[in-house]
C-alpha atoms as a PDB file:
ATOM      1  CA  UNK A   1      -0.024   0.035  -0.006  1.00  0.00           C
ATOM      2  CA  UNK A   2       1.329   3.575  -1.017  1.00  0.00           C
ATOM      3  CA  UNK A   3       1.249   6.269   1.704  1.00  0.00           C
ATOM      4  CA  UNK A   4      -0.578   9.801  -0.120  1.00  0.00           C
ATOM      5  CA  UNK A   5       2.122  11.993   0.074  1.00  0.00           C
ATOM      6  CA  UNK A   6       0.887  15.412   1.199  1.00  0.00           C
ATOM      7  CA  UNK A   7       2.418  18.556  -0.833  1.00  0.00           C
ATOM      8  CA  UNK A   8       3.883  20.804   0.974  1.00  0.00           C
ATOM      9  CA  UNK A   9       3.887  24.713   0.328  1.00  0.00           C
ATOM     10  CA  UNK A  10       7.300  26.137  -0.162  1.00  0.00           C
ATOM     11  CA  UNK A  11       8.044  28.772   1.918  1.00  0.00           C
ATOM     12  CA  UNK A  12       9.999  31.624   0.482  1.00  0.00           C
ATOM     13  CA  UNK A  13      13.434  31.170   1.203  1.00  0.00           C
ATOM     14  CA  UNK A  14      14.668  33.507   3.753  1.00  0.00           C
ATOM     15  CA  UNK A  15      18.445  33.103   3.050  1.00  0.00           C
ATOM     16  CA  UNK A  16      21.439  34.248   5.399  1.00  0.00           C
ATOM     17  CA  UNK A  17      22.076  38.001   6.683  1.00  0.00           C
ATOM     18  CA  UNK A  18      25.335  37.564   5.149  1.00  0.00           C
ATOM     19  CA  UNK A  19      23.918  36.628   1.843  1.00  0.00           C
ATOM     20  CA  UNK A  20      21.390  39.752   2.044  1.00  0.00           C
ATOM     21  CA  UNK A  21      24.391  41.963   3.077  1.00  0.00           C
ATOM     22  CA  UNK A  22      26.639  40.717   0.057  1.00  0.00           C
ATOM     23  CA  UNK A  23      24.021  41.055  -2.349  1.00  0.00           C
ATOM     24  CA  UNK A  24      23.200  44.847  -1.507  1.00  0.00           C
ATOM     25  CA  UNK A  25      26.827  45.535  -1.348  1.00  0.00           C
ATOM     26  CA  UNK A  26      28.156  44.531  -4.217  1.00  0.00           C
ATOM     27  CA  UNK A  27      25.926  45.995  -6.733  1.00  0.00           C
ATOM     28  CA  UNK A  28      26.874  49.338  -4.827  1.00  0.00           C
ATOM     29  CA  UNK A  29      30.498  48.484  -5.152  1.00  0.00           C
ATOM     30  CA  UNK A  30      30.020  47.690  -8.874  1.00  0.00           C
ATOM     31  CA  UNK A  31      28.439  51.087  -9.576  1.00  0.00           C
ATOM     32  CA  UNK A  32      30.689  53.179  -7.825  1.00  0.00           C
ATOM     33  CA  UNK A  33      33.796  51.435  -9.690  1.00  0.00           C
ATOM     34  CA  UNK A  34      31.933  52.088 -12.617  1.00  0.00           C
ATOM     35  CA  UNK A  35      31.337  55.961 -11.709  1.00  0.00           C
ATOM     36  CA  UNK A  36      35.157  56.251 -10.737  1.00  0.00           C
ATOM     37  CA  UNK A  37      36.276  55.163 -13.922  1.00  0.00           C
ATOM     38  CA  UNK A  38      33.848  57.287 -16.160  1.00  0.00           C
ATOM     39  CA  UNK A  39      34.861  59.964 -13.996  1.00  0.00           C
ATOM     40  CA  UNK A  40      38.582  59.740 -14.358  1.00  0.00           C
ATOM     41  CA  UNK A  41      38.337  59.144 -18.278  1.00  0.00           C
ATOM     42  CA  UNK A  42      36.653  62.413 -18.556  1.00  0.00           C
ATOM     43  CA  UNK A  43      38.987  64.271 -16.472  1.00  0.00           C
ATOM     44  CA  UNK A  44      42.242  62.919 -17.594  1.00  0.00           C
ATOM     45  CA  UNK A  45      40.821  63.218 -21.154  1.00  0.00           C
ATOM     46  CA  UNK A  46      40.454  66.895 -20.761  1.00  0.00           C
ATOM     47  CA  UNK A  47      43.778  67.193 -19.042  1.00  0.00           C
ATOM     48  CA  UNK A  48      45.494  65.669 -22.112  1.00  0.00           C
ATOM     49  CA  UNK A  49      43.579  67.612 -24.334  1.00  0.00           C
ATOM     50  CA  UNK A  50      44.857  70.892 -22.564  1.00  0.00           C
ATOM     51  CA  UNK A  51      48.554  69.547 -22.763  1.00  0.00           C
ATOM     52  CA  UNK A  52      48.002  68.927 -26.526  1.00  0.00           C
ATOM     53  CA  UNK A  53      46.760  72.224 -27.080  1.00  0.00           C
ATOM     54  CA  UNK A  54      49.557  73.888 -25.187  1.00  0.00           C
ATOM     55  CA  UNK A  55      52.333  71.701 -26.926  1.00  0.00           C
ATOM     56  CA  UNK A  56      50.728  72.676 -30.530  1.00  0.00           C
ATOM     57  CA  UNK A  57      50.855  76.401 -29.580  1.00  0.00           C
ATOM     58  CA  UNK A  58      54.312  76.670 -28.533  1.00  0.00           C
ATOM     59  CA  UNK A  59      55.301  74.413 -31.545  1.00  0.00           C
ATOM     60  CA  UNK A  60      53.496  76.936 -33.651  1.00  0.00           C
ATOM     61  CA  UNK A  61      54.981  80.143 -31.781  1.00  0.00           C
ATOM     62  CA  UNK A  62      58.589  78.639 -31.791  1.00  0.00           C
ATOM     63  CA  UNK A  63      59.446  78.701 -35.279  1.00  0.00           C
END
């Protein structure tokens, strides 16, 4: 005789506090890194363009 299996409802998995903290911190850190990279790129490209303009003017006026 087979025993009737009672279907248990799956309760939402709570997860550990450690997993929740990591799940929150990792995206925030990733976003901050992307923002820092974009900022560094824009600032350094502006500096490079200014230096290139200065060198160009120096070459033109030194002839």
